[in-house]
Amino acid sequence: MTHLSGKAALVTGGGRGIGAAIAKRLAREGADVAITYAKGKAQAEDVLAEIKALGRRGLVIAADSADADAVRKAVAEAVKAFGRLDILVNNAGVFPYGPFEEVSLEEFDRTMAIHARAAFVAAQAASQHMGKGGRIISIGSNLGERVPHPGVSLYAMSKSALIGFTRGLARDLGERGITVNLVQPGSTATDMNPAEGESADAQRALTALGHYGSADDIAATVVHLAGEGARQITGAAILVDGGANA
């Protein structure tokens, strides 16, 4: 028996990158896992196949996190499929990048909807089904605390919102025994930010360790926070960035 046996989880944006690594790691630790995706159905189905190969129940839900109703429905589908919901991972994200003067209001609204509003809506819906031991974990960014280069004002703003939300929600749900935490990755090798990309060397130079992280590094932290060993951790923003913000 693994330390998340009998638990049910929902990972938004779980069809690729960090989200996929989190979903598979949760399943390896015994949880049944539902994932959402906005694009890339085939990738999401591949993740589902791996979850089921581990002997766990899985579910793939098409849901754009920019759509609040779709987020609520995804929570409801996960609860219906598993009969419970113990772990919510707000992972779905985008990476707007470019000159501040060129950011449109449409891009602003979509980014804030996916990173901030969706986390709020999902937590509000999921917490109604959680009892003592429930876990809400959001994936932020080290850029939410420190910005070493131009072009990411909107992204940094949207991720920094999760810091205040995490602290406030930890107070709101603490009496019910539900913990709320934020994991803040730094440069992590995914298709959105490949370790061989044009800016990779510059990013590595900002870290204390001199290398990119992996999606599994982030997943390991999330799985710890999801378990009983992290029962005393709540309202925390945990950097997993190779010392970039040290």
Protein backbone atom coordinates (compact mmCIF):
# COMPACT_ATOMS: atom_id res chain seq x y z
CA MET A 1 0.00 0.00 0.00
CA THR A 2 1.32 3.42 -0.93
CA HIS A 3 0.79 6.61 1.04
CA LEU A 4 -2.07 7.97 -1.11
CA SER A 5 -4.04 4.74 -1.42
CA GLY A 6 -7.78 5.37 -1.36
CA LYS A 7 -7.40 9.03 -2.29
CA ALA A 8 -8.89 10.73 -5.35
CA ALA A 9 -7.23 13.62 -7.14
CA LEU A 10 -7.95 16.15 -9.87
CA VAL A 11 -5.06 17.74 -11.78
CA THR A 12 -5.95 20.58 -14.12
CA GLY A 13 -3.82 20.72 -17.25
CA GLY A 14 -2.69 17.18 -16.52
CA GLY A 15 -2.20 16.06 -20.09
CA ARG A 16 1.32 17.36 -20.61
CA GLY A 17 4.45 18.70 -18.97
CA ILE A 18 4.43 19.28 -15.22
CA GLY A 19 0.75 18.36 -14.93
CA ALA A 20 1.29 14.97 -16.56
CA ALA A 21 4.23 14.23 -14.26
CA ILE A 22 2.11 15.15 -11.22
CA ALA A 23 -0.81 12.99 -12.36
CA LYS A 24 1.39 9.94 -12.93
CA ARG A 25 3.26 10.42 -9.66
CA LEU A 26 -0.02 10.67 -7.72
CA ALA A 27 -1.17 7.43 -9.37
CA ARG A 28 2.10 5.69 -8.49
CA GLU A 29 1.47 6.65 -4.88
CA GLY A 30 -1.97 5.01 -4.97
CA ALA A 31 -4.40 7.79 -5.89
CA ASP A 32 -7.13 7.66 -8.48
CA VAL A 33 -6.54 10.61 -10.80
CA ALA A 34 -8.67 12.77 -13.08
CA ILE A 35 -6.98 15.21 -15.43
CA THR A 36 -8.25 18.08 -17.54
CA TYR A 37 -6.91 19.29 -20.85
CA ALA A 38 -7.75 22.15 -23.20
CA LYS A 39 -5.66 20.97 -26.16
CA GLY A 40 -3.85 17.74 -26.91
CA LYS A 41 -6.41 15.00 -26.38
CA ALA A 42 -3.99 12.29 -27.54
CA GLN A 43 -1.41 13.33 -24.94
CA ALA A 44 -4.06 13.30 -22.23
CA GLU A 45 -5.18 9.83 -23.28
CA ASP A 46 -1.57 8.63 -23.03
CA VAL A 47 -1.41 9.88 -19.45
CA LEU A 48 -4.70 8.14 -18.70
CA ALA A 49 -3.32 4.89 -20.06
CA GLU A 50 -0.33 5.14 -17.72
CA ILE A 51 -2.60 5.85 -14.75
CA LYS A 52 -4.68 2.77 -15.53
CA ALA A 53 -1.57 0.65 -16.10
CA LEU A 54 -0.66 1.40 -12.49
CA GLY A 55 -3.94 -0.16 -11.40
CA ARG A 56 -5.63 3.11 -10.56
CA ARG A 57 -8.86 4.59 -11.82
CA GLY A 58 -8.44 7.53 -14.17
CA LEU A 59 -10.51 10.07 -16.03
CA VAL A 60 -9.81 12.56 -18.83
CA ILE A 61 -11.96 15.70 -18.95
CA ALA A 62 -11.94 18.26 -21.76
CA ALA A 63 -12.04 21.61 -19.96
CA ASP A 64 -10.54 25.00 -20.76
CA SER A 65 -9.53 26.57 -17.44
CA ALA A 66 -10.39 30.00 -18.85
CA ASP A 67 -14.04 28.87 -18.68
CA ALA A 68 -15.27 28.99 -15.08
CA ASP A 69 -18.26 26.75 -15.80
CA ALA A 70 -15.98 24.14 -17.38
CA VAL A 71 -13.79 24.17 -14.27
CA ARG A 72 -16.79 23.61 -12.00
CA LYS A 73 -18.06 20.80 -14.23
CA ALA A 74 -14.63 19.13 -14.18
CA VAL A 75 -14.71 19.01 -10.39
CA ALA A 76 -18.22 17.57 -10.48
CA GLU A 77 -17.19 14.91 -13.02
CA ALA A 78 -14.22 13.84 -10.91
CA VAL A 79 -16.40 13.54 -7.80
CA LYS A 80 -19.02 11.56 -9.73
CA ALA A 81 -16.42 9.17 -11.13
CA PHE A 82 -14.55 8.54 -7.87
CA GLY A 83 -17.23 9.19 -5.26
CA ARG A 84 -14.92 11.62 -3.48
CA LEU A 85 -12.22 14.22 -3.98
CA ASP A 86 -9.26 14.53 -1.64
CA ILE A 87 -6.61 16.34 -3.68
CA LEU A 88 -6.90 19.27 -6.08
CA VAL A 89 -3.87 20.40 -8.07
CA ASN A 90 -4.35 23.71 -9.87
CA ASN A 91 -1.75 23.29 -12.58
CA ALA A 92 -3.22 24.52 -15.88
CA GLY A 93 -1.25 27.44 -17.24
CA VAL A 94 -0.09 29.56 -20.14
CA PHE A 95 3.06 31.59 -20.66
CA PRO A 96 2.42 35.03 -22.14
CA TYR A 97 5.71 36.64 -23.12
CA GLY A 98 6.59 39.81 -24.94
CA PRO A 99 6.79 43.60 -24.73
CA PHE A 100 4.53 45.07 -22.05
CA GLU A 101 3.21 47.67 -24.48
CA GLU A 102 1.86 44.94 -26.77
CA VAL A 103 -0.13 42.96 -24.20
CA SER A 104 -3.80 43.06 -25.18
CA LEU A 105 -6.69 43.14 -22.75
CA GLU A 106 -7.84 39.83 -24.22
CA GLU A 107 -4.51 38.21 -23.33
CA PHE A 108 -4.63 39.83 -19.89
CA ASP A 109 -8.13 38.50 -19.20
CA ARG A 110 -7.35 34.98 -20.43
CA THR A 111 -4.11 34.72 -18.44
CA MET A 112 -5.70 35.94 -15.23
CA ALA A 113 -8.68 33.64 -15.80
CA ILE A 114 -6.49 30.56 -16.22
CA HIS A 115 -4.00 31.26 -13.44
CA ALA A 116 -6.04 33.07 -10.79
CA ARG A 117 -9.77 32.74 -11.40
CA ALA A 118 -9.64 29.04 -12.27
CA ALA A 119 -7.69 28.27 -9.09
CA PHE A 120 -10.30 30.15 -7.06
CA VAL A 121 -13.24 28.47 -8.80
CA ALA A 122 -11.76 24.98 -8.63
CA ALA A 123 -10.86 25.33 -4.96
CA GLN A 124 -14.31 26.67 -4.14
CA ALA A 125 -15.97 23.71 -5.87
CA ALA A 126 -13.54 21.03 -4.69
CA SER A 127 -13.45 22.11 -1.04
CA GLN A 128 -17.16 21.36 -0.73
CA HIS A 129 -16.31 17.67 -1.18
CA MET A 130 -13.22 17.56 1.04
CA GLY A 131 -13.00 16.54 4.65
CA LYS A 132 -10.13 16.50 7.10
CA GLY A 133 -6.93 15.70 5.23
CA GLY A 134 -8.03 17.43 2.04
CA ARG A 135 -5.26 19.00 -0.01
CA ILE A 136 -5.34 21.98 -2.37
CA ILE A 137 -2.05 22.59 -4.17
CA SER A 138 -1.47 25.22 -6.83
CA ILE A 139 1.42 25.47 -9.25
CA GLY A 140 2.80 28.99 -9.39
CA SER A 141 6.20 30.22 -10.53
CA ASN A 142 9.33 31.64 -8.99
CA LEU A 143 8.66 34.63 -11.26
CA GLY A 144 5.73 35.39 -8.98
CA GLU A 145 8.27 36.54 -6.40
CA ARG A 146 11.23 37.80 -8.40
CA VAL A 147 11.51 38.90 -12.04
CA PRO A 148 15.07 38.89 -13.46
CA HIS A 149 14.26 39.91 -17.03
CA PRO A 150 11.67 41.88 -19.03
CA GLY A 151 8.76 40.50 -20.99
CA VAL A 152 6.89 38.61 -18.27
CA SER A 153 4.97 41.30 -16.38
CA LEU A 154 1.57 39.73 -17.03
CA TYR A 155 2.79 36.22 -16.25
CA ALA A 156 4.44 37.35 -13.01
CA MET A 157 1.35 39.28 -11.98
CA SER A 158 -0.94 36.32 -12.54
CA LYS A 159 1.29 33.91 -10.63
CA SER A 160 1.87 36.30 -7.74
CA ALA A 161 -1.91 36.33 -7.18
CA LEU A 162 -1.63 32.70 -6.10
CA ILE A 163 0.58 33.64 -3.16
CA GLY A 164 -2.10 35.75 -1.51
CA PHE A 165 -4.82 33.29 -2.44
CA THR A 166 -2.90 30.39 -0.90
CA ARG A 167 -2.33 32.21 2.38
CA GLY A 168 -5.92 33.39 2.64
CA LEU A 169 -7.44 30.05 1.73
CA ALA A 170 -5.22 28.25 4.24
CA ARG A 171 -6.92 30.36 6.92
CA ASP A 172 -10.39 29.81 5.46
CA LEU A 173 -10.08 26.02 5.34
CA GLY A 174 -7.70 25.33 8.21
CA GLU A 175 -10.44 24.64 10.76
CA ARG A 176 -11.68 21.85 8.50
CA GLY A 177 -8.27 20.18 8.40
CA ILE A 178 -7.69 21.04 4.73
CA THR A 179 -4.23 22.28 3.80
CA VAL A 180 -3.53 24.76 1.01
CA ASN A 181 -0.08 25.23 -0.50
CA LEU A 182 1.71 26.68 -3.49
CA VAL A 183 4.61 25.10 -5.39
CA GLN A 184 6.70 27.60 -7.34
CA PRO A 185 8.84 26.03 -10.07
CA GLY A 186 11.77 27.74 -11.68
CA SER A 187 13.18 26.77 -15.06
CA THR A 188 11.76 23.31 -15.67
CA ALA A 189 12.34 21.27 -18.82
CA THR A 190 9.01 20.98 -20.64
CA ASP A 191 7.81 21.60 -24.17
CA MET A 192 6.91 25.14 -23.05
CA ASN A 193 10.47 25.79 -21.84
CA PRO A 194 12.90 23.23 -23.27
CA ALA A 195 16.32 22.87 -21.68
CA GLU A 196 17.82 23.30 -25.16
CA GLY A 197 15.86 26.46 -25.97
CA GLU A 198 17.28 29.83 -27.01
CA SER A 199 17.15 31.26 -23.48
CA ALA A 200 18.16 28.07 -21.68
CA ASP A 201 21.77 29.04 -20.94
CA ALA A 202 20.68 32.41 -19.57
CA GLN A 203 18.13 30.71 -17.34
CA ARG A 204 20.66 28.18 -16.05
CA ALA A 205 23.04 31.02 -15.22
CA LEU A 206 20.43 32.46 -12.83
CA THR A 207 20.28 29.31 -10.72
CA ALA A 208 22.51 28.30 -7.85
CA LEU A 209 22.69 24.70 -9.08
CA GLY A 210 23.38 25.52 -12.72
CA HIS A 211 20.78 23.27 -14.31
CA TYR A 212 17.12 23.03 -15.21
CA GLY A 213 14.70 21.13 -13.06
CA SER A 214 12.57 18.27 -14.33
CA ALA A 215 8.80 17.89 -14.22
CA ASP A 216 9.37 15.00 -11.82
CA ASP A 217 11.10 17.39 -9.39
CA ILE A 218 7.89 19.40 -9.18
CA ALA A 219 5.75 16.28 -8.96
CA ALA A 220 7.78 14.97 -6.03
CA THR A 221 7.09 18.12 -4.04
CA VAL A 222 3.39 18.04 -4.90
CA VAL A 223 3.07 14.40 -3.86
CA HIS A 224 4.75 15.14 -0.53
CA LEU A 225 2.33 17.99 0.12
CA ALA A 226 -0.56 15.68 -0.79
CA GLY A 227 0.38 13.14 1.85
CA GLU A 228 0.09 12.78 5.59
CA GLY A 229 3.73 13.76 6.05
CA ALA A 230 2.82 17.33 5.11
CA ARG A 231 -0.15 17.67 7.47
CA GLN A 232 1.55 20.57 9.29
CA ILE A 233 2.36 22.51 6.11
CA THR A 234 -0.25 25.01 4.98
CA GLY A 235 -0.25 28.53 3.59
CA ALA A 236 3.26 27.91 2.28
CA ALA A 237 4.85 28.97 -1.01
CA ILE A 238 7.61 26.47 -1.73
CA LEU A 239 10.28 27.29 -4.30
CA VAL A 240 11.54 24.44 -6.47
CA ASP A 241 13.82 26.54 -8.67
CA GLY A 242 17.39 25.38 -8.21
CA GLY A 243 18.15 28.41 -6.08
CA ALA A 244 17.24 30.99 -8.73
CA ASN A 245 15.47 33.11 -6.12
CA ALA A 246 18.03 32.52 -3.39
